[in-house]
Amino acid sequence: MQANGAIDRFGRRVQDSLGSHPDGLANGVYEWWHVIATGRATKDVGFVWQLREEVVAGLLACGFAELVETLPDEVVGAERFFEGAVRQITVNAYERNPVARARCIEAKGAKCSV
């Protein structure tokens, strides 16, 4: 979900710079990610993004990407993995007594001697 949020924020910044949606859509008719990419849901691999040609051209022109001649083979019917299991971790946190700390600093100063 962090990637989706980052793409949304980037799309909004691009639209703010452009002043309008690349396809001329009105605000509220689309999601922010649609400013920089198109996409579709698939049964096999989930949601598939495709950057707009203008975005790819801009990334190439700025040196943030490079074209490659060969692409890795696409894995068809690959096993799906799910992540994000929740596990609880308990830790101890120790806090100093603020009155004792203030009195120590008053008596010895704030310079550490360890």
C-alpha atoms as a PDB file:
ATOM      1  CA  MET A   1       0.000   0.000   0.000  1.00  0.00           C
ATOM      2  CA  GLN A   2       2.933   2.372   0.487  1.00  0.00           C
ATOM      3  CA  ALA A   3       3.736   2.171  -3.218  1.00  0.00           C
ATOM      4  CA  ASN A   4       0.136   3.012  -4.095  1.00  0.00           C
ATOM      5  CA  GLY A   5       0.224   6.032  -1.790  1.00  0.00           C
ATOM      6  CA  ALA A   6       3.514   7.233  -3.279  1.00  0.00           C
ATOM      7  CA  ILE A   7       2.173   6.866  -6.822  1.00  0.00           C
ATOM      8  CA  ASP A   8      -0.966   8.793  -5.823  1.00  0.00           C
ATOM      9  CA  ARG A   9       1.091  11.623  -4.287  1.00  0.00           C
ATOM     10  CA  PHE A  10       3.349  11.763  -7.339  1.00  0.00           C
ATOM     11  CA  GLY A  11       0.327  11.842  -9.664  1.00  0.00           C
ATOM     12  CA  ARG A  12      -1.143  14.735  -7.723  1.00  0.00           C
ATOM     13  CA  ARG A  13       2.144  16.673  -7.918  1.00  0.00           C
ATOM     14  CA  VAL A  14       2.324  16.071 -11.664  1.00  0.00           C
ATOM     15  CA  GLN A  15      -1.240  17.298 -12.142  1.00  0.00           C
ATOM     16  CA  ASP A  16      -0.557  20.357 -10.000  1.00  0.00           C
ATOM     17  CA  SER A  17       2.398  21.130 -12.296  1.00  0.00           C
ATOM     18  CA  LEU A  18       0.418  20.480 -15.487  1.00  0.00           C
ATOM     19  CA  GLY A  19      -2.705  22.274 -14.328  1.00  0.00           C
ATOM     20  CA  SER A  20      -5.013  19.567 -15.683  1.00  0.00           C
ATOM     21  CA  HIS A  21      -5.383  15.830 -16.209  1.00  0.00           C
ATOM     22  CA  PRO A  22      -3.516  14.491 -19.293  1.00  0.00           C
ATOM     23  CA  ASP A  23      -6.794  13.154 -20.715  1.00  0.00           C
ATOM     24  CA  GLY A  24      -8.753  16.284 -19.803  1.00  0.00           C
ATOM     25  CA  LEU A  25     -10.751  14.511 -17.072  1.00  0.00           C
ATOM     26  CA  ALA A  26     -12.343  16.620 -14.353  1.00  0.00           C
ATOM     27  CA  ASN A  27     -11.268  16.389 -10.709  1.00  0.00           C
ATOM     28  CA  GLY A  28     -13.105  13.635  -8.863  1.00  0.00           C
ATOM     29  CA  VAL A  29     -13.615  11.490 -11.969  1.00  0.00           C
ATOM     30  CA  TYR A  30     -10.315   9.602 -11.572  1.00  0.00           C
ATOM     31  CA  GLU A  31      -7.743   8.527  -9.004  1.00  0.00           C
ATOM     32  CA  TRP A  32      -4.496  10.521  -8.744  1.00  0.00           C
ATOM     33  CA  TRP A  33      -2.387   7.595  -9.950  1.00  0.00           C
ATOM     34  CA  HIS A  34      -4.232   7.798 -13.271  1.00  0.00           C
ATOM     35  CA  VAL A  35      -2.362  11.036 -14.028  1.00  0.00           C
ATOM     36  CA  ILE A  36       0.927   9.131 -14.489  1.00  0.00           C
ATOM     37  CA  ALA A  37      -0.205   5.580 -15.258  1.00  0.00           C
ATOM     38  CA  THR A  38      -2.984   3.411 -16.543  1.00  0.00           C
ATOM     39  CA  GLY A  39      -3.808   0.039 -15.104  1.00  0.00           C
ATOM     40  CA  ARG A  40      -6.125  -2.891 -14.995  1.00  0.00           C
ATOM     41  CA  ALA A  41      -6.968  -5.761 -12.681  1.00  0.00           C
ATOM     42  CA  THR A  42      -6.057  -9.240 -13.882  1.00  0.00           C
ATOM     43  CA  LYS A  43      -7.030 -12.658 -12.588  1.00  0.00           C
ATOM     44  CA  ASP A  44      -3.459 -13.971 -12.714  1.00  0.00           C
ATOM     45  CA  VAL A  45      -1.226 -11.306 -11.180  1.00  0.00           C
ATOM     46  CA  GLY A  46      -3.540  -8.743  -9.615  1.00  0.00           C
ATOM     47  CA  PHE A  47      -3.393  -5.097 -10.634  1.00  0.00           C
ATOM     48  CA  VAL A  48      -0.993  -4.257 -13.480  1.00  0.00           C
ATOM     49  CA  TRP A  49       0.326  -0.685 -13.862  1.00  0.00           C
ATOM     50  CA  GLN A  50       1.526   0.845 -17.114  1.00  0.00           C
ATOM     51  CA  LEU A  51       3.272   4.212 -17.001  1.00  0.00           C
ATOM     52  CA  ARG A  52       2.075   6.751 -19.539  1.00  0.00           C
ATOM     53  CA  GLU A  53       4.402   7.198 -22.518  1.00  0.00           C
ATOM     54  CA  GLU A  54       5.018  10.824 -21.535  1.00  0.00           C
ATOM     55  CA  VAL A  55       6.163   9.766 -18.056  1.00  0.00           C
ATOM     56  CA  VAL A  56       8.526   7.158 -19.497  1.00  0.00           C
ATOM     57  CA  ALA A  57       9.938   9.722 -21.948  1.00  0.00           C
ATOM     58  CA  GLY A  58      10.475  12.197 -19.100  1.00  0.00           C
ATOM     59  CA  LEU A  59      12.230   9.610 -16.923  1.00  0.00           C
ATOM     60  CA  LEU A  60      14.492   8.644 -19.816  1.00  0.00           C
ATOM     61  CA  ALA A  61      15.267  12.278 -20.666  1.00  0.00           C
ATOM     62  CA  CYS A  62      16.220  13.035 -17.058  1.00  0.00           C
ATOM     63  CA  GLY A  63      18.414   9.957 -16.763  1.00  0.00           C
ATOM     64  CA  PHE A  64      16.207   8.269 -14.157  1.00  0.00           C
ATOM     65  CA  ALA A  65      15.647   5.215 -16.376  1.00  0.00           C
ATOM     66  CA  GLU A  66      17.179   3.485 -19.343  1.00  0.00           C
ATOM     67  CA  LEU A  67      15.765   1.327 -22.089  1.00  0.00           C
ATOM     68  CA  VAL A  68      16.742  -2.321 -22.102  1.00  0.00           C
ATOM     69  CA  GLU A  69      16.710  -4.553 -25.136  1.00  0.00           C
ATOM     70  CA  THR A  70      15.572  -7.699 -23.370  1.00  0.00           C
ATOM     71  CA  LEU A  71      12.968  -8.111 -20.702  1.00  0.00           C
ATOM     72  CA  PRO A  72      12.919 -10.952 -18.194  1.00  0.00           C
ATOM     73  CA  ASP A  73      10.645 -13.789 -19.149  1.00  0.00           C
ATOM     74  CA  GLU A  74       7.208 -13.366 -17.734  1.00  0.00           C
ATOM     75  CA  VAL A  75       6.237 -16.077 -15.314  1.00  0.00           C
ATOM     76  CA  VAL A  76       2.868 -17.488 -16.299  1.00  0.00           C
ATOM     77  CA  GLY A  77       0.725 -19.124 -13.657  1.00  0.00           C
ATOM     78  CA  ALA A  78       3.219 -18.287 -10.935  1.00  0.00           C
ATOM     79  CA  GLU A  79       2.448 -19.202  -7.362  1.00  0.00           C
ATOM     80  CA  ARG A  80       1.023 -16.274  -5.404  1.00  0.00           C
ATOM     81  CA  PHE A  81       2.496 -15.297  -2.072  1.00  0.00           C
ATOM     82  CA  PHE A  82       0.669 -13.265   0.527  1.00  0.00           C
ATOM     83  CA  GLU A  83       2.545 -11.104   2.993  1.00  0.00           C
ATOM     84  CA  GLY A  84       1.606  -8.887   5.863  1.00  0.00           C
ATOM     85  CA  ALA A  85       0.929 -11.328   8.687  1.00  0.00           C
ATOM     86  CA  VAL A  86       0.577  -9.613  12.055  1.00  0.00           C
ATOM     87  CA  ARG A  87       2.606 -10.721  15.036  1.00  0.00           C
ATOM     88  CA  GLN A  88       2.747  -9.108  18.421  1.00  0.00           C
ATOM     89  CA  ILE A  89       6.108  -8.201  19.935  1.00  0.00           C
ATOM     90  CA  THR A  90       6.420  -7.088  23.547  1.00  0.00           C
ATOM     91  CA  VAL A  91       9.348  -4.942  24.668  1.00  0.00           C
ATOM     92  CA  ASN A  92      10.229  -3.193  27.910  1.00  0.00           C
ATOM     93  CA  ALA A  93      10.666   0.568  27.818  1.00  0.00           C
ATOM     94  CA  TYR A  94      12.308   2.251  30.800  1.00  0.00           C
ATOM     95  CA  GLU A  95      11.672   5.894  31.571  1.00  0.00           C
ATOM     96  CA  ARG A  96      13.567   8.071  33.987  1.00  0.00           C
ATOM     97  CA  ASN A  97      11.829   9.837  36.797  1.00  0.00           C
ATOM     98  CA  PRO A  98      11.646  13.462  35.612  1.00  0.00           C
ATOM     99  CA  VAL A  99      12.024  14.881  39.127  1.00  0.00           C
ATOM    100  CA  ALA A 100      15.137  12.762  39.831  1.00  0.00           C
ATOM    101  CA  ARG A 101      16.572  13.742  36.432  1.00  0.00           C
ATOM    102  CA  ALA A 102      16.007  17.460  37.041  1.00  0.00           C
ATOM    103  CA  ARG A 103      17.623  17.282  40.489  1.00  0.00           C
ATOM    104  CA  CYS A 104      20.627  15.376  39.129  1.00  0.00           C
ATOM    105  CA  ILE A 105      21.148  17.948  36.379  1.00  0.00           C
ATOM    106  CA  GLU A 106      20.793  20.728  38.939  1.00  0.00           C
ATOM    107  CA  ALA A 107      23.421  19.137  41.196  1.00  0.00           C
ATOM    108  CA  LYS A 108      25.886  17.694  38.642  1.00  0.00           C
ATOM    109  CA  GLY A 109      25.137  19.589  35.421  1.00  0.00           C
ATOM    110  CA  ALA A 110      23.940  18.209  32.066  1.00  0.00           C
ATOM    111  CA  LYS A 111      27.363  16.911  30.953  1.00  0.00           C
ATOM    112  CA  CYS A 112      27.554  13.110  30.715  1.00  0.00           C
ATOM    113  CA  SER A 113      30.553  11.440  32.333  1.00  0.00           C
ATOM    114  CA  VAL A 114      29.992   7.907  31.022  1.00  0.00           C
END
